[in-house]
Amino acid sequence: MQHVNNGNDVVIAGGIFSPRTANFLPGWQIFQLRVSGSGSFIGYVRIWGRDPGSVAVVDSYRYIGP
């Protein structure tokens, strides 16, 4: 998501990582998102689970610029 100065957040990339998807494999995974566009972004990554008690473990986060 991209944070916009006027207070509105705009999604610039998104994806679903779920056991219900056909190519899901249990265990550690690499989840890649391509951010399109040019210029620089001020933003954040939002991760949430379906259940309020869900736990998401992020081992690392890497950004590779253009």
PDB file of N, CA and C in Angstrom:
ATOM      1  N   MET A   1       0.833  -1.173   0.000  1.00  0.00           N
ATOM      2  CA  MET A   1       0.000   0.000   0.000  1.00  0.00           C
ATOM      3  C   MET A   1       0.876   1.234   0.000  1.00  0.00           C
ATOM      4  N   GLN A   2       0.361   2.275  -0.538  1.00  0.00           N
ATOM      5  CA  GLN A   2       1.074   3.547  -0.563  1.00  0.00           C
ATOM      6  C   GLN A   2       0.340   4.537   0.314  1.00  0.00           C
ATOM      7  N   HIS A   3       1.069   5.232   1.129  1.00  0.00           N
ATOM      8  CA  HIS A   3       0.472   6.278   1.945  1.00  0.00           C
ATOM      9  C   HIS A   3       0.485   7.571   1.142  1.00  0.00           C
ATOM     10  N   VAL A   4      -0.661   8.221   1.042  1.00  0.00           N
ATOM     11  CA  VAL A   4      -0.783   9.466   0.291  1.00  0.00           C
ATOM     12  C   VAL A   4      -0.965  10.604   1.289  1.00  0.00           C
ATOM     13  N   ASN A   5      -0.319  11.736   1.022  1.00  0.00           N
ATOM     14  CA  ASN A   5      -0.309  12.845   1.974  1.00  0.00           C
ATOM     15  C   ASN A   5      -1.685  13.356   2.385  1.00  0.00           C
ATOM     16  N   ASN A   6      -2.688  13.283   1.527  1.00  0.00           N
ATOM     17  CA  ASN A   6      -4.005  13.812   1.883  1.00  0.00           C
ATOM     18  C   ASN A   6      -4.802  12.868   2.780  1.00  0.00           C
ATOM     19  N   GLY A   7      -4.219  11.793   3.230  1.00  0.00           N
ATOM     20  CA  GLY A   7      -4.872  10.898   4.174  1.00  0.00           C
ATOM     21  C   GLY A   7      -5.503   9.662   3.577  1.00  0.00           C
ATOM     22  N   ASN A   8      -5.484   9.518   2.277  1.00  0.00           N
ATOM     23  CA  ASN A   8      -6.049   8.333   1.632  1.00  0.00           C
ATOM     24  C   ASN A   8      -4.937   7.354   1.282  1.00  0.00           C
ATOM     25  N   ASP A   9      -5.128   6.081   1.636  1.00  0.00           N
ATOM     26  CA  ASP A   9      -4.158   5.048   1.288  1.00  0.00           C
ATOM     27  C   ASP A   9      -4.587   4.375  -0.001  1.00  0.00           C
ATOM     28  N   VAL A  10      -3.632   4.119  -0.862  1.00  0.00           N
ATOM     29  CA  VAL A  10      -3.898   3.516  -2.160  1.00  0.00           C
ATOM     30  C   VAL A  10      -3.097   2.225  -2.270  1.00  0.00           C
ATOM     31  N   VAL A  11      -3.725   1.143  -2.688  1.00  0.00           N
ATOM     32  CA  VAL A  11      -3.038  -0.133  -2.878  1.00  0.00           C
ATOM     33  C   VAL A  11      -2.214  -0.059  -4.157  1.00  0.00           C
ATOM     34  N   ILE A  12      -0.907  -0.342  -4.050  1.00  0.00           N
ATOM     35  CA  ILE A  12      -0.055  -0.373  -5.239  1.00  0.00           C
ATOM     36  C   ILE A  12       0.400  -1.789  -5.567  1.00  0.00           C
ATOM     37  N   ALA A  13       0.211  -2.719  -4.653  1.00  0.00           N
ATOM     38  CA  ALA A  13       0.517  -4.131  -4.896  1.00  0.00           C
ATOM     39  C   ALA A  13      -0.245  -4.949  -3.867  1.00  0.00           C
ATOM     40  N   GLY A  14      -0.616  -6.151  -4.234  1.00  0.00           N
ATOM     41  CA  GLY A  14      -1.335  -6.994  -3.293  1.00  0.00           C
ATOM     42  C   GLY A  14      -1.308  -8.443  -3.736  1.00  0.00           C
ATOM     43  N   GLY A  15      -1.557  -9.318  -2.813  1.00  0.00           N
ATOM     44  CA  GLY A  15      -1.575 -10.735  -3.135  1.00  0.00           C
ATOM     45  C   GLY A  15      -2.214 -11.529  -2.016  1.00  0.00           C
ATOM     46  N   ILE A  16      -2.513 -12.770  -2.308  1.00  0.00           N
ATOM     47  CA  ILE A  16      -3.118 -13.667  -1.327  1.00  0.00           C
ATOM     48  C   ILE A  16      -2.218 -14.887  -1.162  1.00  0.00           C
ATOM     49  N   PHE A  17      -1.913 -15.194   0.072  1.00  0.00           N
ATOM     50  CA  PHE A  17      -1.123 -16.375   0.409  1.00  0.00           C
ATOM     51  C   PHE A  17      -1.983 -17.194   1.356  1.00  0.00           C
ATOM     52  N   SER A  18      -2.601 -18.244   0.860  1.00  0.00           N
ATOM     53  CA  SER A  18      -3.600 -18.972   1.632  1.00  0.00           C
ATOM     54  C   SER A  18      -3.494 -20.471   1.395  1.00  0.00           C
ATOM     55  N   PRO A  19      -3.809 -21.285   2.408  1.00  0.00           N
ATOM     56  CA  PRO A  19      -3.839 -22.730   2.210  1.00  0.00           C
ATOM     57  C   PRO A  19      -4.909 -23.161   1.214  1.00  0.00           C
ATOM     58  N   ARG A  20      -5.823 -22.264   0.884  1.00  0.00           N
ATOM     59  CA  ARG A  20      -6.888 -22.594  -0.067  1.00  0.00           C
ATOM     60  C   ARG A  20      -6.475 -22.400  -1.522  1.00  0.00           C
ATOM     61  N   THR A  21      -5.319 -21.796  -1.779  1.00  0.00           N
ATOM     62  CA  THR A  21      -4.864 -21.640  -3.160  1.00  0.00           C
ATOM     63  C   THR A  21      -4.255 -22.950  -3.656  1.00  0.00           C
ATOM     64  N   ALA A  22      -4.353 -23.186  -4.950  1.00  0.00           N
ATOM     65  CA  ALA A  22      -3.934 -24.467  -5.535  1.00  0.00           C
ATOM     66  C   ALA A  22      -2.442 -24.750  -5.362  1.00  0.00           C
ATOM     67  N   ASN A  23      -1.590 -23.723  -5.397  1.00  0.00           N
ATOM     68  CA  ASN A  23      -0.139 -23.942  -5.346  1.00  0.00           C
ATOM     69  C   ASN A  23       0.441 -23.768  -3.941  1.00  0.00           C
ATOM     70  N   PHE A  24      -0.380 -23.789  -2.914  1.00  0.00           N
ATOM     71  CA  PHE A  24       0.096 -23.607  -1.539  1.00  0.00           C
ATOM     72  C   PHE A  24       0.879 -24.826  -1.068  1.00  0.00           C
ATOM     73  N   LEU A  25       2.024 -24.570  -0.441  1.00  0.00           N
ATOM     74  CA  LEU A  25       2.824 -25.616   0.200  1.00  0.00           C
ATOM     75  C   LEU A  25       3.066 -25.195   1.642  1.00  0.00           C
ATOM     76  N   PRO A  26       2.855 -26.077   2.620  1.00  0.00           N
ATOM     77  CA  PRO A  26       3.097 -25.698   4.007  1.00  0.00           C
ATOM     78  C   PRO A  26       4.586 -25.485   4.264  1.00  0.00           C
ATOM     79  N   GLY A  27       4.891 -24.658   5.249  1.00  0.00           N
ATOM     80  CA  GLY A  27       6.275 -24.380   5.607  1.00  0.00           C
ATOM     81  C   GLY A  27       6.687 -22.976   5.194  1.00  0.00           C
ATOM     82  N   TRP A  28       8.000 -22.725   5.232  1.00  0.00           N
ATOM     83  CA  TRP A  28       8.528 -21.408   4.873  1.00  0.00           C
ATOM     84  C   TRP A  28       8.377 -21.175   3.381  1.00  0.00           C
ATOM     85  N   GLN A  29       7.983 -19.983   3.023  1.00  0.00           N
ATOM     86  CA  GLN A  29       7.746 -19.639   1.622  1.00  0.00           C
ATOM     87  C   GLN A  29       8.352 -18.283   1.291  1.00  0.00           C
ATOM     88  N   ILE A  30       8.562 -18.056   0.016  1.00  0.00           N
ATOM     89  CA  ILE A  30       8.937 -16.735  -0.497  1.00  0.00           C
ATOM     90  C   ILE A  30       7.711 -16.186  -1.208  1.00  0.00           C
ATOM     91  N   PHE A  31       7.283 -15.023  -0.790  1.00  0.00           N
ATOM     92  CA  PHE A  31       6.102 -14.378  -1.369  1.00  0.00           C
ATOM     93  C   PHE A  31       6.564 -13.079  -2.006  1.00  0.00           C
ATOM     94  N   GLN A  32       6.456 -12.992  -3.315  1.00  0.00           N
ATOM     95  CA  GLN A  32       6.954 -11.825  -4.037  1.00  0.00           C
ATOM     96  C   GLN A  32       5.808 -11.003  -4.596  1.00  0.00           C
ATOM     97  N   LEU A  33       5.955  -9.686  -4.510  1.00  0.00           N
ATOM     98  CA  LEU A  33       5.004  -8.750  -5.096  1.00  0.00           C
ATOM     99  C   LEU A  33       5.768  -7.778  -5.977  1.00  0.00           C
ATOM    100  N   ARG A  34       5.257  -7.521  -7.155  1.00  0.00           N
ATOM    101  CA  ARG A  34       5.874  -6.545  -8.048  1.00  0.00           C
ATOM    102  C   ARG A  34       5.138  -5.222  -7.894  1.00  0.00           C
ATOM    103  N   VAL A  35       5.893  -4.183  -7.567  1.00  0.00           N
ATOM    104  CA  VAL A  35       5.335  -2.840  -7.445  1.00  0.00           C
ATOM    105  C   VAL A  35       5.604  -2.121  -8.755  1.00  0.00           C
ATOM    106  N   SER A  36       4.537  -1.820  -9.473  1.00  0.00           N
ATOM    107  CA  SER A  36       4.711  -1.158 -10.765  1.00  0.00           C
ATOM    108  C   SER A  36       4.696   0.354 -10.586  1.00  0.00           C
ATOM    109  N   GLY A  37       5.112   1.051 -11.604  1.00  0.00           N
ATOM    110  CA  GLY A  37       5.141   2.508 -11.566  1.00  0.00           C
ATOM    111  C   GLY A  37       6.561   3.013 -11.496  1.00  0.00           C
ATOM    112  N   SER A  38       6.688   4.306 -11.540  1.00  0.00           N
ATOM    113  CA  SER A  38       8.013   4.918 -11.462  1.00  0.00           C
ATOM    114  C   SER A  38       8.014   5.919 -10.316  1.00  0.00           C
ATOM    115  N   GLY A  39       9.175   6.371  -9.971  1.00  0.00           N
ATOM    116  CA  GLY A  39       9.283   7.306  -8.868  1.00  0.00           C
ATOM    117  C   GLY A  39       9.461   6.582  -7.553  1.00  0.00           C
ATOM    118  N   SER A  40       9.372   7.334  -6.484  1.00  0.00           N
ATOM    119  CA  SER A  40       9.548   6.744  -5.163  1.00  0.00           C
ATOM    120  C   SER A  40       8.211   6.734  -4.429  1.00  0.00           C
ATOM    121  N   PHE A  41       8.083   5.812  -3.496  1.00  0.00           N
ATOM    122  CA  PHE A  41       6.867   5.658  -2.724  1.00  0.00           C
ATOM    123  C   PHE A  41       7.193   5.756  -1.246  1.00  0.00           C
ATOM    124  N   ILE A  42       6.326   6.368  -0.502  1.00  0.00           N
ATOM    125  CA  ILE A  42       6.360   6.298   0.952  1.00  0.00           C
ATOM    126  C   ILE A  42       5.185   5.410   1.321  1.00  0.00           C
ATOM    127  N   GLY A  43       5.457   4.287   1.943  1.00  0.00           N
ATOM    128  CA  GLY A  43       4.356   3.364   2.180  1.00  0.00           C
ATOM    129  C   GLY A  43       4.654   2.372   3.277  1.00  0.00           C
ATOM    130  N   TYR A  44       3.854   1.338   3.311  1.00  0.00           N
ATOM    131  CA  TYR A  44       3.981   0.309   4.329  1.00  0.00           C
ATOM    132  C   TYR A  44       3.436  -0.998   3.788  1.00  0.00           C
ATOM    133  N   VAL A  45       3.743  -2.073   4.495  1.00  0.00           N
ATOM    134  CA  VAL A  45       3.243  -3.402   4.159  1.00  0.00           C
ATOM    135  C   VAL A  45       2.247  -3.792   5.245  1.00  0.00           C
ATOM    136  N   ARG A  46       1.090  -4.260   4.840  1.00  0.00           N
ATOM    137  CA  ARG A  46       0.061  -4.690   5.797  1.00  0.00           C
ATOM    138  C   ARG A  46      -0.134  -6.196   5.641  1.00  0.00           C
ATOM    139  N   ILE A  47      -0.065  -6.905   6.760  1.00  0.00           N
ATOM    140  CA  ILE A  47      -0.262  -8.355   6.770  1.00  0.00           C
ATOM    141  C   ILE A  47      -1.362  -8.655   7.779  1.00  0.00           C
ATOM    142  N   TRP A  48      -2.347  -9.430   7.367  1.00  0.00           N
ATOM    143  CA  TRP A  48      -3.387  -9.820   8.308  1.00  0.00           C
ATOM    144  C   TRP A  48      -3.861 -11.232   8.027  1.00  0.00           C
ATOM    145  N   GLY A  49      -4.406 -11.857   9.047  1.00  0.00           N
ATOM    146  CA  GLY A  49      -4.952 -13.202   8.922  1.00  0.00           C
ATOM    147  C   GLY A  49      -6.463 -13.175   8.986  1.00  0.00           C
ATOM    148  N   ARG A  50      -7.060 -14.242   8.560  1.00  0.00           N
ATOM    149  CA  ARG A  50      -8.528 -14.324   8.549  1.00  0.00           C
ATOM    150  C   ARG A  50      -9.100 -14.363   9.963  1.00  0.00           C
ATOM    151  N   ASP A  51      -8.470 -15.124  10.829  1.00  0.00           N
ATOM    152  CA  ASP A  51      -8.945 -15.270  12.200  1.00  0.00           C
ATOM    153  C   ASP A  51      -8.289 -14.214  13.088  1.00  0.00           C
ATOM    154  N   PRO A  52      -9.027 -13.625  14.039  1.00  0.00           N
ATOM    155  CA  PRO A  52      -8.420 -12.630  14.935  1.00  0.00           C
ATOM    156  C   PRO A  52      -7.220 -13.172  15.714  1.00  0.00           C
ATOM    157  N   GLY A  53      -7.144 -14.480  15.932  1.00  0.00           N
ATOM    158  CA  GLY A  53      -6.023 -15.072  16.646  1.00  0.00           C
ATOM    159  C   GLY A  53      -4.881 -15.519  15.745  1.00  0.00           C
ATOM    160  N   SER A  54      -4.942 -15.175  14.470  1.00  0.00           N
ATOM    161  CA  SER A  54      -3.908 -15.596  13.515  1.00  0.00           C
ATOM    162  C   SER A  54      -2.556 -14.996  13.868  1.00  0.00           C
ATOM    163  N   VAL A  55      -1.510 -15.742  13.556  1.00  0.00           N
ATOM    164  CA  VAL A  55      -0.148 -15.266  13.755  1.00  0.00           C
ATOM    165  C   VAL A  55       0.580 -15.349  12.422  1.00  0.00           C
ATOM    166  N   ALA A  56       1.156 -14.239  11.992  1.00  0.00           N
ATOM    167  CA  ALA A  56       1.966 -14.211  10.773  1.00  0.00           C
ATOM    168  C   ALA A  56       3.406 -13.947  11.182  1.00  0.00           C
ATOM    169  N   VAL A  57       4.311 -14.822  10.793  1.00  0.00           N
ATOM    170  CA  VAL A  57       5.718 -14.677  11.121  1.00  0.00           C
ATOM    171  C   VAL A  57       6.455 -14.239   9.862  1.00  0.00           C
ATOM    172  N   VAL A  58       7.113 -13.091   9.940  1.00  0.00           N
ATOM    173  CA  VAL A  58       7.897 -12.583   8.816  1.00  0.00           C
ATOM    174  C   VAL A  58       9.358 -12.716   9.208  1.00  0.00           C
ATOM    175  N   ASP A  59      10.071 -13.587   8.514  1.00  0.00           N
ATOM    176  CA  ASP A  59      11.476 -13.831   8.813  1.00  0.00           C
ATOM    177  C   ASP A  59      12.348 -12.707   8.280  1.00  0.00           C
ATOM    178  N   SER A  60      12.028 -12.212   7.097  1.00  0.00           N
ATOM    179  CA  SER A  60      12.800 -11.108   6.529  1.00  0.00           C
ATOM    180  C   SER A  60      11.965 -10.390   5.481  1.00  0.00           C
ATOM    181  N   TYR A  61      12.392  -9.200   5.195  1.00  0.00           N
ATOM    182  CA  TYR A  61      11.736  -8.368   4.194  1.00  0.00           C
ATOM    183  C   TYR A  61      12.843  -7.734   3.366  1.00  0.00           C
ATOM    184  N   ARG A  62      12.739  -7.810   2.056  1.00  0.00           N
ATOM    185  CA  ARG A  62      13.797  -7.248   1.207  1.00  0.00           C
ATOM    186  C   ARG A  62      13.168  -6.466   0.075  1.00  0.00           C
ATOM    187  N   TYR A  63      13.691  -5.287  -0.156  1.00  0.00           N
ATOM    188  CA  TYR A  63      13.260  -4.459  -1.273  1.00  0.00           C
ATOM    189  C   TYR A  63      14.398  -4.393  -2.275  1.00  0.00           C
ATOM    190  N   ILE A  64      14.101  -4.700  -3.527  1.00  0.00           N
ATOM    191  CA  ILE A  64      15.091  -4.585  -4.598  1.00  0.00           C
ATOM    192  C   ILE A  64      14.591  -3.506  -5.541  1.00  0.00           C
ATOM    193  N   GLY A  65      15.230  -2.385  -5.532  1.00  0.00           N
ATOM    194  CA  GLY A  65      14.813  -1.245  -6.354  1.00  0.00           C
ATOM    195  C   GLY A  65      15.105  -1.450  -7.833  1.00  0.00           C
ATOM    196  N   PRO A  66      14.513  -0.573  -8.641  1.00  0.00           N
ATOM    197  CA  PRO A  66      14.706  -0.701 -10.100  1.00  0.00           C
ATOM    198  C   PRO A  66      16.135  -0.442 -10.525  1.00  0.00           C
TER     199      PRO A  66
END
